[in-house]
């Protein structure tokens, strides 16, 4: 199924995916989001390199140092650490990028820019997780990578490892946050739910930017919100991402897609930290995000909600609106306040 192109997103060169060569040998295309991802009958996947991939050695403003670290050689899991100039302990923000679970990288230039600015402004350590992508690795692979990252973080912070001492000695395990945008926010939420029952770490909060949730029944904003040509998320692209990322046979009412599937009772049972939810006024996910916040509040969870006027999905990453820059400044300031509460 072919879907109109979404906003520009790229792939990580470490996946070594070839685009446009010997396509005939893979059979027909079964799923496609134009310009972003193409999946063939034999399982071959192509992700055109649209957004620049940048090395961690790229000079950063804001007095922030970045370095890539291997988290799990077996699965290829790695992360990019952003470390602001500091002499004491810092909050740790573990970040998951967006991309519908199917595209994206911690090495995207847009994330390098956003997260270095966030680390400097909020004065926090950030680990941007390069989790495994669907459809080669369907959910819960990304959740497992998130949980394994936190396990690794705790081990490094407690072990005194000389290799990671440069950042680990500044990491405050009593002030750990999970964050992400779009599919990354979905990962942050589901990993937080897993952590609540594991006893591995006590999270201080989660920061969910335009969380990518869905459902079989359409919301008003999904059906009626007009999207510009450069929209970061259309309804058809959303449906394609869910078909590619959920377990085979699952529909959009699977709990990983629709957290409200099992009603308020399930939410009440979850041990969740304070949650900050960032919602975009022009996003097709606006109503679904608002319903999620209302359900969390009704379940007795502490939720802080902000709606960013005049901007759409992932505005803070893609800068596809004249309002993106001022709204991004607002968002970073509010995240800083949330972390320092």
C-alpha atoms as a PDB file:
ATOM      1  CA  UNK A   1       0.000   0.000   0.000  1.00  0.00           C
ATOM      2  CA  UNK A   2       1.417   3.347  -1.043  1.00  0.00           C
ATOM      3  CA  UNK A   3       1.111   6.366   1.223  1.00  0.00           C
ATOM      4  CA  UNK A   4       1.788   9.983   0.364  1.00  0.00           C
ATOM      5  CA  UNK A   5       5.120  11.274   1.520  1.00  0.00           C
ATOM      6  CA  UNK A   6       5.457  12.623   5.036  1.00  0.00           C
ATOM      7  CA  UNK A   7       8.054  15.186   6.158  1.00  0.00           C
ATOM      8  CA  UNK A   8      11.698  14.422   5.464  1.00  0.00           C
ATOM      9  CA  UNK A   9      13.215  11.758   7.700  1.00  0.00           C
ATOM     10  CA  UNK A  10      16.272   9.638   7.089  1.00  0.00           C
ATOM     11  CA  UNK A  11      17.913   6.368   8.045  1.00  0.00           C
ATOM     12  CA  UNK A  12      21.002   5.433  10.001  1.00  0.00           C
ATOM     13  CA  UNK A  13      23.872   4.346   7.694  1.00  0.00           C
ATOM     14  CA  UNK A  14      24.722   1.582  10.164  1.00  0.00           C
ATOM     15  CA  UNK A  15      21.709  -0.319   8.844  1.00  0.00           C
ATOM     16  CA  UNK A  16      23.517  -0.389   5.472  1.00  0.00           C
ATOM     17  CA  UNK A  17      20.293  -0.305   3.472  1.00  0.00           C
ATOM     18  CA  UNK A  18      20.623   0.127  -0.282  1.00  0.00           C
ATOM     19  CA  UNK A  19      18.089   2.325  -2.048  1.00  0.00           C
ATOM     20  CA  UNK A  20      17.048   1.967  -5.645  1.00  0.00           C
ATOM     21  CA  UNK A  21      19.379  -0.893  -6.630  1.00  0.00           C
ATOM     22  CA  UNK A  22      18.215  -4.243  -7.936  1.00  0.00           C
ATOM     23  CA  UNK A  23      14.662  -3.585  -6.803  1.00  0.00           C
ATOM     24  CA  UNK A  24      13.329  -6.196  -9.229  1.00  0.00           C
ATOM     25  CA  UNK A  25      14.859  -9.015  -7.198  1.00  0.00           C
ATOM     26  CA  UNK A  26      12.675  -8.239  -4.171  1.00  0.00           C
ATOM     27  CA  UNK A  27       9.268  -8.599  -5.822  1.00  0.00           C
ATOM     28  CA  UNK A  28       6.505  -6.035  -5.524  1.00  0.00           C
ATOM     29  CA  UNK A  29       6.152  -3.254  -2.979  1.00  0.00           C
ATOM     30  CA  UNK A  30       3.669  -4.122  -0.218  1.00  0.00           C
ATOM     31  CA  UNK A  31       3.911  -0.981   1.936  1.00  0.00           C
ATOM     32  CA  UNK A  32       5.249   2.474   1.187  1.00  0.00           C
ATOM     33  CA  UNK A  33       5.341   5.977   2.604  1.00  0.00           C
ATOM     34  CA  UNK A  34       6.629   7.973  -0.322  1.00  0.00           C
ATOM     35  CA  UNK A  35      10.145   9.278   0.212  1.00  0.00           C
ATOM     36  CA  UNK A  36      10.513   7.597   3.602  1.00  0.00           C
ATOM     37  CA  UNK A  37      10.188   3.835   3.535  1.00  0.00           C
ATOM     38  CA  UNK A  38       9.427   1.074   1.041  1.00  0.00           C
ATOM     39  CA  UNK A  39       8.808  -2.547   2.043  1.00  0.00           C
ATOM     40  CA  UNK A  40       8.908  -5.396  -0.480  1.00  0.00           C
ATOM     41  CA  UNK A  41       7.207  -8.781  -0.573  1.00  0.00           C
ATOM     42  CA  UNK A  42      10.429 -10.574   0.440  1.00  0.00           C
ATOM     43  CA  UNK A  43      10.862  -8.319   3.494  1.00  0.00           C
ATOM     44  CA  UNK A  44      13.535  -6.083   1.979  1.00  0.00           C
ATOM     45  CA  UNK A  45      13.291  -2.506   3.298  1.00  0.00           C
ATOM     46  CA  UNK A  46      14.490   0.730   1.756  1.00  0.00           C
ATOM     47  CA  UNK A  47      14.813   4.038   3.630  1.00  0.00           C
ATOM     48  CA  UNK A  48      15.935   6.926   1.389  1.00  0.00           C
ATOM     49  CA  UNK A  49      18.587   9.165   3.007  1.00  0.00           C
ATOM     50  CA  UNK A  50      16.673  12.456   3.091  1.00  0.00           C
ATOM     51  CA  UNK A  51      17.840  14.166   6.290  1.00  0.00           C
ATOM     52  CA  UNK A  52      21.591  14.455   6.954  1.00  0.00           C
ATOM     53  CA  UNK A  53      23.206  12.007   9.347  1.00  0.00           C
ATOM     54  CA  UNK A  54      25.798  13.819  11.450  1.00  0.00           C
ATOM     55  CA  UNK A  55      28.659  12.446  13.558  1.00  0.00           C
ATOM     56  CA  UNK A  56      28.867  13.095  17.273  1.00  0.00           C
ATOM     57  CA  UNK A  57      32.087  15.011  16.567  1.00  0.00           C
ATOM     58  CA  UNK A  58      30.149  17.758  14.767  1.00  0.00           C
ATOM     59  CA  UNK A  59      30.891  20.974  16.677  1.00  0.00           C
ATOM     60  CA  UNK A  60      27.977  21.954  18.902  1.00  0.00           C
ATOM     61  CA  UNK A  61      27.023  25.293  20.311  1.00  0.00           C
ATOM     62  CA  UNK A  62      25.834  25.679  23.869  1.00  0.00           C
ATOM     63  CA  UNK A  63      29.001  24.233  25.527  1.00  0.00           C
ATOM     64  CA  UNK A  64      27.715  20.677  25.052  1.00  0.00           C
ATOM     65  CA  UNK A  65      29.864  17.622  24.287  1.00  0.00           C
ATOM     66  CA  UNK A  66      28.387  14.664  22.383  1.00  0.00           C
ATOM     67  CA  UNK A  67      29.672  11.111  22.132  1.00  0.00           C
ATOM     68  CA  UNK A  68      28.264   7.845  20.756  1.00  0.00           C
ATOM     69  CA  UNK A  69      28.307   4.786  23.026  1.00  0.00           C
ATOM     70  CA  UNK A  70      27.571   1.098  22.417  1.00  0.00           C
ATOM     71  CA  UNK A  71      24.865  -0.201  24.763  1.00  0.00           C
ATOM     72  CA  UNK A  72      24.334  -3.740  23.439  1.00  0.00           C
ATOM     73  CA  UNK A  73      26.600  -5.167  20.741  1.00  0.00           C
ATOM     74  CA  UNK A  74      24.319  -8.155  20.262  1.00  0.00           C
ATOM     75  CA  UNK A  75      21.350  -6.104  19.076  1.00  0.00           C
ATOM     76  CA  UNK A  76      23.292  -3.156  17.686  1.00  0.00           C
ATOM     77  CA  UNK A  77      21.800  -0.858  20.303  1.00  0.00           C
ATOM     78  CA  UNK A  78      23.672   2.423  20.762  1.00  0.00           C
ATOM     79  CA  UNK A  79      23.073   5.918  22.020  1.00  0.00           C
ATOM     80  CA  UNK A  80      24.344   9.454  21.673  1.00  0.00           C
ATOM     81  CA  UNK A  81      25.156  11.181  24.963  1.00  0.00           C
ATOM     82  CA  UNK A  82      24.887  14.958  25.292  1.00  0.00           C
ATOM     83  CA  UNK A  83      26.850  16.335  28.219  1.00  0.00           C
ATOM     84  CA  UNK A  84      26.714  20.026  29.202  1.00  0.00           C
ATOM     85  CA  UNK A  85      29.613  21.684  30.992  1.00  0.00           C
ATOM     86  CA  UNK A  86      29.187  20.838  34.662  1.00  0.00           C
ATOM     87  CA  UNK A  87      31.013  19.926  37.872  1.00  0.00           C
ATOM     88  CA  UNK A  88      28.227  18.326  39.891  1.00  0.00           C
ATOM     89  CA  UNK A  89      25.373  15.855  39.549  1.00  0.00           C
ATOM     90  CA  UNK A  90      22.876  16.299  36.710  1.00  0.00           C
ATOM     91  CA  UNK A  91      19.382  15.004  35.951  1.00  0.00           C
ATOM     92  CA  UNK A  92      19.391  12.311  33.251  1.00  0.00           C
ATOM     93  CA  UNK A  93      16.942  12.418  30.359  1.00  0.00           C
ATOM     94  CA  UNK A  94      16.725   9.223  28.271  1.00  0.00           C
ATOM     95  CA  UNK A  95      15.325  10.252  24.884  1.00  0.00           C
ATOM     96  CA  UNK A  96      13.641   8.239  22.113  1.00  0.00           C
ATOM     97  CA  UNK A  97      13.397   9.732  18.617  1.00  0.00           C
ATOM     98  CA  UNK A  98      10.272   9.753  16.477  1.00  0.00           C
ATOM     99  CA  UNK A  99       9.638   8.156  13.096  1.00  0.00           C
ATOM    100  CA  UNK A 100       6.635   5.858  13.464  1.00  0.00           C
ATOM    101  CA  UNK A 101       8.905   3.102  14.897  1.00  0.00           C
ATOM    102  CA  UNK A 102      10.049   2.523  11.310  1.00  0.00           C
ATOM    103  CA  UNK A 103      12.448   5.310  10.345  1.00  0.00           C
ATOM    104  CA  UNK A 104      14.895   7.569  12.089  1.00  0.00           C
ATOM    105  CA  UNK A 105      18.158   7.698  13.960  1.00  0.00           C
ATOM    106  CA  UNK A 106      19.787   9.237  16.993  1.00  0.00           C
ATOM    107  CA  UNK A 107      22.244  10.658  14.448  1.00  0.00           C
ATOM    108  CA  UNK A 108      19.691  12.804  12.575  1.00  0.00           C
ATOM    109  CA  UNK A 109      20.973  16.362  12.282  1.00  0.00           C
ATOM    110  CA  UNK A 110      17.636  17.719  13.545  1.00  0.00           C
ATOM    111  CA  UNK A 111      17.898  15.707  16.778  1.00  0.00           C
ATOM    112  CA  UNK A 112      21.542  16.671  17.203  1.00  0.00           C
ATOM    113  CA  UNK A 113      20.485  20.323  17.119  1.00  0.00           C
ATOM    114  CA  UNK A 114      17.390  19.983  19.326  1.00  0.00           C
ATOM    115  CA  UNK A 115      18.911  17.770  22.004  1.00  0.00           C
ATOM    116  CA  UNK A 116      22.163  19.707  22.330  1.00  0.00           C
ATOM    117  CA  UNK A 117      20.104  22.859  22.845  1.00  0.00           C
ATOM    118  CA  UNK A 118      17.878  21.072  25.374  1.00  0.00           C
ATOM    119  CA  UNK A 119      20.858  19.677  27.301  1.00  0.00           C
ATOM    120  CA  UNK A 120      22.425  23.128  27.552  1.00  0.00           C
ATOM    121  CA  UNK A 121      19.234  24.991  28.482  1.00  0.00           C
ATOM    122  CA  UNK A 122      17.840  22.445  30.942  1.00  0.00           C
ATOM    123  CA  UNK A 123      21.335  21.593  32.271  1.00  0.00           C
ATOM    124  CA  UNK A 124      20.790  17.847  32.016  1.00  0.00           C
ATOM    125  CA  UNK A 125      22.547  14.777  30.649  1.00  0.00           C
ATOM    126  CA  UNK A 126      20.736  13.309  27.648  1.00  0.00           C
ATOM    127  CA  UNK A 127      21.091   9.825  26.171  1.00  0.00           C
ATOM    128  CA  UNK A 128      19.411   9.633  22.768  1.00  0.00           C
ATOM    129  CA  UNK A 129      18.629   5.962  22.109  1.00  0.00           C
ATOM    130  CA  UNK A 130      19.096   4.426  18.663  1.00  0.00           C
ATOM    131  CA  UNK A 131      16.588   1.611  19.085  1.00  0.00           C
ATOM    132  CA  UNK A 132      15.806  -1.139  16.583  1.00  0.00           C
ATOM    133  CA  UNK A 133      13.302  -0.254  13.861  1.00  0.00           C
ATOM    134  CA  UNK A 134      10.246  -1.990  12.456  1.00  0.00           C
ATOM    135  CA  UNK A 135       9.294  -3.825  10.341  1.00  0.00           C
ATOM    136  CA  UNK A 136      12.561  -5.774  10.704  1.00  0.00           C
ATOM    137  CA  UNK A 137      12.083  -5.589  14.482  1.00  0.00           C
ATOM    138  CA  UNK A 138       8.430  -5.125  15.372  1.00  0.00           C
ATOM    139  CA  UNK A 139       7.219  -4.020  18.783  1.00  0.00           C
ATOM    140  CA  UNK A 140       8.079  -4.736  21.550  1.00  0.00           C
ATOM    141  CA  UNK A 141      11.705  -4.580  20.273  1.00  0.00           C
ATOM    142  CA  UNK A 142      11.888  -0.794  20.751  1.00  0.00           C
ATOM    143  CA  UNK A 143      10.460  -1.101  24.280  1.00  0.00           C
ATOM    144  CA  UNK A 144      13.001  -3.801  25.101  1.00  0.00           C
ATOM    145  CA  UNK A 145      15.792  -1.546  23.842  1.00  0.00           C
ATOM    146  CA  UNK A 146      14.488   1.255  26.064  1.00  0.00           C
ATOM    147  CA  UNK A 147      14.414  -0.981  29.125  1.00  0.00           C
ATOM    148  CA  UNK A 148      17.871  -2.387  28.336  1.00  0.00           C
ATOM    149  CA  UNK A 149      19.236   1.140  27.979  1.00  0.00           C
ATOM    150  CA  UNK A 150      18.057   1.996  31.484  1.00  0.00           C
ATOM    151  CA  UNK A 151      19.587  -1.225  32.822  1.00  0.00           C
ATOM    152  CA  UNK A 152      22.880  -0.260  31.155  1.00  0.00           C
ATOM    153  CA  UNK A 153      22.698   3.292  32.524  1.00  0.00           C
ATOM    154  CA  UNK A 154      22.247   2.026  36.070  1.00  0.00           C
ATOM    155  CA  UNK A 155      25.145  -0.416  35.680  1.00  0.00           C
ATOM    156  CA  UNK A 156      27.483   2.303  34.380  1.00  0.00           C
ATOM    157  CA  UNK A 157      26.476   4.812  37.056  1.00  0.00           C
ATOM    158  CA  UNK A 158      27.051   2.304  39.880  1.00  0.00           C
ATOM    159  CA  UNK A 159      30.114   0.478  38.555  1.00  0.00           C
ATOM    160  CA  UNK A 160      32.542   3.366  38.323  1.00  0.00           C
ATOM    161  CA  UNK A 161      33.621   2.156  34.873  1.00  0.00           C
ATOM    162  CA  UNK A 162      36.575   4.218  33.665  1.00  0.00           C
ATOM    163  CA  UNK A 163      35.288   4.094  30.076  1.00  0.00           C
ATOM    164  CA  UNK A 164      32.069   5.897  31.008  1.00  0.00           C
ATOM    165  CA  UNK A 165      33.219   7.839  34.043  1.00  0.00           C
ATOM    166  CA  UNK A 166      33.228  11.115  32.055  1.00  0.00           C
ATOM    167  CA  UNK A 167      29.418  11.171  32.101  1.00  0.00           C
ATOM    168  CA  UNK A 168      28.372   8.495  34.628  1.00  0.00           C
ATOM    169  CA  UNK A 169      29.913  10.277  37.619  1.00  0.00           C
ATOM    170  CA  UNK A 170      27.632  13.240  36.899  1.00  0.00           C
ATOM    171  CA  UNK A 171      24.478  11.127  36.482  1.00  0.00           C
ATOM    172  CA  UNK A 172      21.912  11.441  39.268  1.00  0.00           C
ATOM    173  CA  UNK A 173      19.956   8.175  39.441  1.00  0.00           C
ATOM    174  CA  UNK A 174      17.450   9.904  41.724  1.00  0.00           C
ATOM    175  CA  UNK A 175      16.519  12.275  38.903  1.00  0.00           C
ATOM    176  CA  UNK A 176      15.893  10.157  35.793  1.00  0.00           C
ATOM    177  CA  UNK A 177      13.358  11.135  33.123  1.00  0.00           C
ATOM    178  CA  UNK A 178      12.122   9.369  30.025  1.00  0.00           C
ATOM    179  CA  UNK A 179      11.247  11.521  27.025  1.00  0.00           C
ATOM    180  CA  UNK A 180      10.526  11.284  23.329  1.00  0.00           C
ATOM    181  CA  UNK A 181       8.557  12.677  20.440  1.00  0.00           C
ATOM    182  CA  UNK A 182       5.856  10.899  18.439  1.00  0.00           C
ATOM    183  CA  UNK A 183       6.723   7.165  18.368  1.00  0.00           C
ATOM    184  CA  UNK A 184       9.523   7.974  20.805  1.00  0.00           C
ATOM    185  CA  UNK A 185       6.951   9.338  23.249  1.00  0.00           C
ATOM    186  CA  UNK A 186       4.991   6.100  22.875  1.00  0.00           C
ATOM    187  CA  UNK A 187       8.195   4.208  23.737  1.00  0.00           C
ATOM    188  CA  UNK A 188       8.856   6.454  26.754  1.00  0.00           C
ATOM    189  CA  UNK A 189       5.324   5.845  28.058  1.00  0.00           C
ATOM    190  CA  UNK A 190       5.413   2.071  27.616  1.00  0.00           C
ATOM    191  CA  UNK A 191       8.922   1.733  29.075  1.00  0.00           C
ATOM    192  CA  UNK A 192       7.783   3.814  32.065  1.00  0.00           C
ATOM    193  CA  UNK A 193       4.868   1.410  32.532  1.00  0.00           C
ATOM    194  CA  UNK A 194       7.281  -1.550  32.439  1.00  0.00           C
ATOM    195  CA  UNK A 195       9.612   0.131  34.910  1.00  0.00           C
ATOM    196  CA  UNK A 196       6.774   0.659  37.362  1.00  0.00           C
ATOM    197  CA  UNK A 197       6.613  -3.088  37.967  1.00  0.00           C
ATOM    198  CA  UNK A 198      10.337  -3.902  37.673  1.00  0.00           C
ATOM    199  CA  UNK A 199      11.911  -1.977  40.539  1.00  0.00           C
ATOM    200  CA  UNK A 200      14.918  -1.231  38.310  1.00  0.00           C
ATOM    201  CA  UNK A 201      14.735   2.541  38.678  1.00  0.00           C
ATOM    202  CA  UNK A 202      12.390   5.073  40.194  1.00  0.00           C
ATOM    203  CA  UNK A 203      11.592   7.574  37.464  1.00  0.00           C
ATOM    204  CA  UNK A 204      11.046  11.184  38.389  1.00  0.00           C
ATOM    205  CA  UNK A 205       8.960  11.963  35.311  1.00  0.00           C
ATOM    206  CA  UNK A 206       8.133  11.338  31.669  1.00  0.00           C
ATOM    207  CA  UNK A 207       7.996  13.955  28.923  1.00  0.00           C
ATOM    208  CA  UNK A 208       5.769  12.972  26.011  1.00  0.00           C
ATOM    209  CA  UNK A 209       5.881  15.218  22.931  1.00  0.00           C
ATOM    210  CA  UNK A 210       2.969  14.607  20.548  1.00  0.00           C
ATOM    211  CA  UNK A 211       2.758  10.936  21.644  1.00  0.00           C
ATOM    212  CA  UNK A 212       2.012   8.567  18.781  1.00  0.00           C
ATOM    213  CA  UNK A 213      -1.078   6.640  19.822  1.00  0.00           C
ATOM    214  CA  UNK A 214      -3.928   5.298  17.720  1.00  0.00           C
ATOM    215  CA  UNK A 215      -7.177   3.385  17.732  1.00  0.00           C
ATOM    216  CA  UNK A 216      -9.642   1.738  15.390  1.00  0.00           C
ATOM    217  CA  UNK A 217     -12.227   4.488  15.974  1.00  0.00           C
ATOM    218  CA  UNK A 218     -11.151   7.810  14.470  1.00  0.00           C
ATOM    219  CA  UNK A 219     -11.085  11.008  16.514  1.00  0.00           C
ATOM    220  CA  UNK A 220     -12.380  14.322  15.200  1.00  0.00           C
ATOM    221  CA  UNK A 221      -8.870  15.722  14.687  1.00  0.00           C
ATOM    222  CA  UNK A 222      -7.794  12.604  12.796  1.00  0.00           C
ATOM    223  CA  UNK A 223     -10.737  12.953  10.422  1.00  0.00           C
ATOM    224  CA  UNK A 224     -10.975  16.707  10.025  1.00  0.00           C
ATOM    225  CA  UNK A 225      -7.702  18.512  10.834  1.00  0.00           C
ATOM    226  CA  UNK A 226      -6.449  19.968   7.559  1.00  0.00           C
ATOM    227  CA  UNK A 227      -2.800  19.116   6.958  1.00  0.00           C
ATOM    228  CA  UNK A 228      -0.344  21.225   4.917  1.00  0.00           C
ATOM    229  CA  UNK A 229       1.701  19.589   2.156  1.00  0.00           C
ATOM    230  CA  UNK A 230       4.714  19.347   4.471  1.00  0.00           C
ATOM    231  CA  UNK A 231       2.819  17.794   7.376  1.00  0.00           C
ATOM    232  CA  UNK A 232       4.918  15.570   9.604  1.00  0.00           C
ATOM    233  CA  UNK A 233       2.103  13.046  10.023  1.00  0.00           C
ATOM    234  CA  UNK A 234      -0.915  12.224   7.875  1.00  0.00           C
ATOM    235  CA  UNK A 235      -3.596   9.694   8.759  1.00  0.00           C
ATOM    236  CA  UNK A 236      -2.577   7.353   5.937  1.00  0.00           C
ATOM    237  CA  UNK A 237       1.074   7.470   7.023  1.00  0.00           C
ATOM    238  CA  UNK A 238       0.007   6.799  10.613  1.00  0.00           C
ATOM    239  CA  UNK A 239      -1.951   3.711   9.551  1.00  0.00           C
ATOM    240  CA  UNK A 240       1.019   2.427   7.551  1.00  0.00           C
ATOM    241  CA  UNK A 241       3.375   2.819  10.496  1.00  0.00           C
ATOM    242  CA  UNK A 242       1.030   0.846  12.726  1.00  0.00           C
ATOM    243  CA  UNK A 243       0.695  -1.955  10.153  1.00  0.00           C
ATOM    244  CA  UNK A 244       4.487  -2.185   9.982  1.00  0.00           C
ATOM    245  CA  UNK A 245       5.245  -1.956  13.699  1.00  0.00           C
ATOM    246  CA  UNK A 246       2.542  -3.819  15.627  1.00  0.00           C
ATOM    247  CA  UNK A 247       2.756  -7.613  16.051  1.00  0.00           C
ATOM    248  CA  UNK A 248       1.358  -9.478  13.021  1.00  0.00           C
ATOM    249  CA  UNK A 249      -2.422  -9.713  13.206  1.00  0.00           C
ATOM    250  CA  UNK A 250      -2.825  -6.899  15.752  1.00  0.00           C
ATOM    251  CA  UNK A 251      -5.072  -3.928  15.009  1.00  0.00           C
ATOM    252  CA  UNK A 252      -4.928  -0.339  16.247  1.00  0.00           C
ATOM    253  CA  UNK A 253      -6.738  -1.205  19.467  1.00  0.00           C
ATOM    254  CA  UNK A 254      -3.743  -3.184  20.654  1.00  0.00           C
ATOM    255  CA  UNK A 255      -2.684  -1.655  24.017  1.00  0.00           C
ATOM    256  CA  UNK A 256       0.718  -0.622  22.620  1.00  0.00           C
ATOM    257  CA  UNK A 257      -1.127   1.539  20.097  1.00  0.00           C
ATOM    258  CA  UNK A 258      -4.204   2.483  22.126  1.00  0.00           C
ATOM    259  CA  UNK A 259      -3.404   2.842  25.847  1.00  0.00           C
ATOM    260  CA  UNK A 260      -7.100   3.351  26.596  1.00  0.00           C
ATOM    261  CA  UNK A 261      -8.146  -0.036  25.168  1.00  0.00           C
ATOM    262  CA  UNK A 262      -8.590  -1.668  28.580  1.00  0.00           C
ATOM    263  CA  UNK A 263     -10.206   1.351  30.191  1.00  0.00           C
ATOM    264  CA  UNK A 264      -9.417   3.374  33.278  1.00  0.00           C
ATOM    265  CA  UNK A 265      -8.876   0.303  35.468  1.00  0.00           C
ATOM    266  CA  UNK A 266      -5.625  -0.576  33.703  1.00  0.00           C
ATOM    267  CA  UNK A 267      -4.366   3.002  33.958  1.00  0.00           C
ATOM    268  CA  UNK A 268      -5.142   3.101  37.685  1.00  0.00           C
ATOM    269  CA  UNK A 269      -3.033  -0.027  38.210  1.00  0.00           C
ATOM    270  CA  UNK A 270       0.018   1.431  36.471  1.00  0.00           C
ATOM    271  CA  UNK A 271       2.780   2.965  38.579  1.00  0.00           C
ATOM    272  CA  UNK A 272       3.570   6.043  36.528  1.00  0.00           C
ATOM    273  CA  UNK A 273       5.604   9.108  37.484  1.00  0.00           C
ATOM    274  CA  UNK A 274       4.427  12.658  36.837  1.00  0.00           C
ATOM    275  CA  UNK A 275       3.833  13.026  33.118  1.00  0.00           C
ATOM    276  CA  UNK A 276       4.315  16.114  30.963  1.00  0.00           C
ATOM    277  CA  UNK A 277       2.399  15.937  27.679  1.00  0.00           C
ATOM    278  CA  UNK A 278       3.173  18.371  24.851  1.00  0.00           C
ATOM    279  CA  UNK A 279       0.345  18.639  22.294  1.00  0.00           C
ATOM    280  CA  UNK A 280       0.333  20.480  18.965  1.00  0.00           C
ATOM    281  CA  UNK A 281      -2.824  22.366  18.003  1.00  0.00           C
ATOM    282  CA  UNK A 282      -2.612  21.431  14.300  1.00  0.00           C
ATOM    283  CA  UNK A 283      -1.656  17.776  14.864  1.00  0.00           C
ATOM    284  CA  UNK A 284      -4.022  15.007  13.784  1.00  0.00           C
ATOM    285  CA  UNK A 285      -3.166  13.395  17.150  1.00  0.00           C
ATOM    286  CA  UNK A 286      -4.394  16.388  19.187  1.00  0.00           C
ATOM    287  CA  UNK A 287      -7.732  14.874  20.281  1.00  0.00           C
ATOM    288  CA  UNK A 288      -6.218  11.475  20.994  1.00  0.00           C
ATOM    289  CA  UNK A 289      -3.504  13.114  23.100  1.00  0.00           C
ATOM    290  CA  UNK A 290      -6.103  15.134  25.015  1.00  0.00           C
ATOM    291  CA  UNK A 291      -8.185  11.988  25.661  1.00  0.00           C
ATOM    292  CA  UNK A 292      -5.048  10.273  26.960  1.00  0.00           C
ATOM    293  CA  UNK A 293      -4.351  13.157  29.373  1.00  0.00           C
ATOM    294  CA  UNK A 294      -7.948  13.156  30.616  1.00  0.00           C
ATOM    295  CA  UNK A 295      -7.838   9.392  31.196  1.00  0.00           C
ATOM    296  CA  UNK A 296      -4.562   9.619  33.119  1.00  0.00           C
ATOM    297  CA  UNK A 297      -5.945  12.382  35.326  1.00  0.00           C
ATOM    298  CA  UNK A 298      -9.129  10.392  35.952  1.00  0.00           C
ATOM    299  CA  UNK A 299      -6.946   7.427  36.953  1.00  0.00           C
ATOM    300  CA  UNK A 300      -5.302   9.562  39.633  1.00  0.00           C
ATOM    301  CA  UNK A 301      -2.055  10.254  37.789  1.00  0.00           C
ATOM    302  CA  UNK A 302      -0.371  13.646  37.854  1.00  0.00           C
ATOM    303  CA  UNK A 303      -0.343  15.174  34.372  1.00  0.00           C
ATOM    304  CA  UNK A 304       0.922  18.522  33.085  1.00  0.00           C
ATOM    305  CA  UNK A 305      -0.480  19.382  29.657  1.00  0.00           C
ATOM    306  CA  UNK A 306       0.579  22.127  27.254  1.00  0.00           C
ATOM    307  CA  UNK A 307      -0.952  22.878  23.844  1.00  0.00           C
ATOM    308  CA  UNK A 308       1.317  24.647  21.374  1.00  0.00           C
ATOM    309  CA  UNK A 309      -0.734  26.995  19.202  1.00  0.00           C
ATOM    310  CA  UNK A 310      -0.492  27.142  15.438  1.00  0.00           C
ATOM    311  CA  UNK A 311       1.965  24.283  14.925  1.00  0.00           C
ATOM    312  CA  UNK A 312       1.732  20.662  13.875  1.00  0.00           C
ATOM    313  CA  UNK A 313       3.282  17.303  14.619  1.00  0.00           C
ATOM    314  CA  UNK A 314       7.025  17.326  15.439  1.00  0.00           C
ATOM    315  CA  UNK A 315       7.360  21.080  14.833  1.00  0.00           C
ATOM    316  CA  UNK A 316      10.284  21.226  17.285  1.00  0.00           C
ATOM    317  CA  UNK A 317      12.273  18.752  15.185  1.00  0.00           C
ATOM    318  CA  UNK A 318      11.325  19.556  11.600  1.00  0.00           C
ATOM    319  CA  UNK A 319      10.942  23.368  11.764  1.00  0.00           C
ATOM    320  CA  UNK A 320       8.265  23.214   9.065  1.00  0.00           C
ATOM    321  CA  UNK A 321       6.349  26.315  10.191  1.00  0.00           C
ATOM    322  CA  UNK A 322       7.170  29.987  10.735  1.00  0.00           C
ATOM    323  CA  UNK A 323       6.026  29.450  14.340  1.00  0.00           C
ATOM    324  CA  UNK A 324       8.328  26.473  14.931  1.00  0.00           C
ATOM    325  CA  UNK A 325      11.211  28.441  16.411  1.00  0.00           C
ATOM    326  CA  UNK A 326       9.266  30.447  19.042  1.00  0.00           C
ATOM    327  CA  UNK A 327       7.189  27.400  20.008  1.00  0.00           C
ATOM    328  CA  UNK A 328      10.365  25.301  20.319  1.00  0.00           C
ATOM    329  CA  UNK A 329      11.817  27.905  22.678  1.00  0.00           C
ATOM    330  CA  UNK A 330       8.595  27.669  24.723  1.00  0.00           C
ATOM    331  CA  UNK A 331       8.801  23.887  24.824  1.00  0.00           C
ATOM    332  CA  UNK A 332      12.442  23.797  25.908  1.00  0.00           C
ATOM    333  CA  UNK A 333      11.753  26.362  28.648  1.00  0.00           C
ATOM    334  CA  UNK A 334       8.814  24.319  29.923  1.00  0.00           C
ATOM    335  CA  UNK A 335      10.819  21.077  29.871  1.00  0.00           C
ATOM    336  CA  UNK A 336      13.538  22.855  31.854  1.00  0.00           C
ATOM    337  CA  UNK A 337      10.958  23.956  34.437  1.00  0.00           C
ATOM    338  CA  UNK A 338       9.508  20.410  34.614  1.00  0.00           C
ATOM    339  CA  UNK A 339      12.932  18.837  35.189  1.00  0.00           C
ATOM    340  CA  UNK A 340      13.819  21.381  37.856  1.00  0.00           C
ATOM    341  CA  UNK A 341      10.543  21.218  39.816  1.00  0.00           C
END
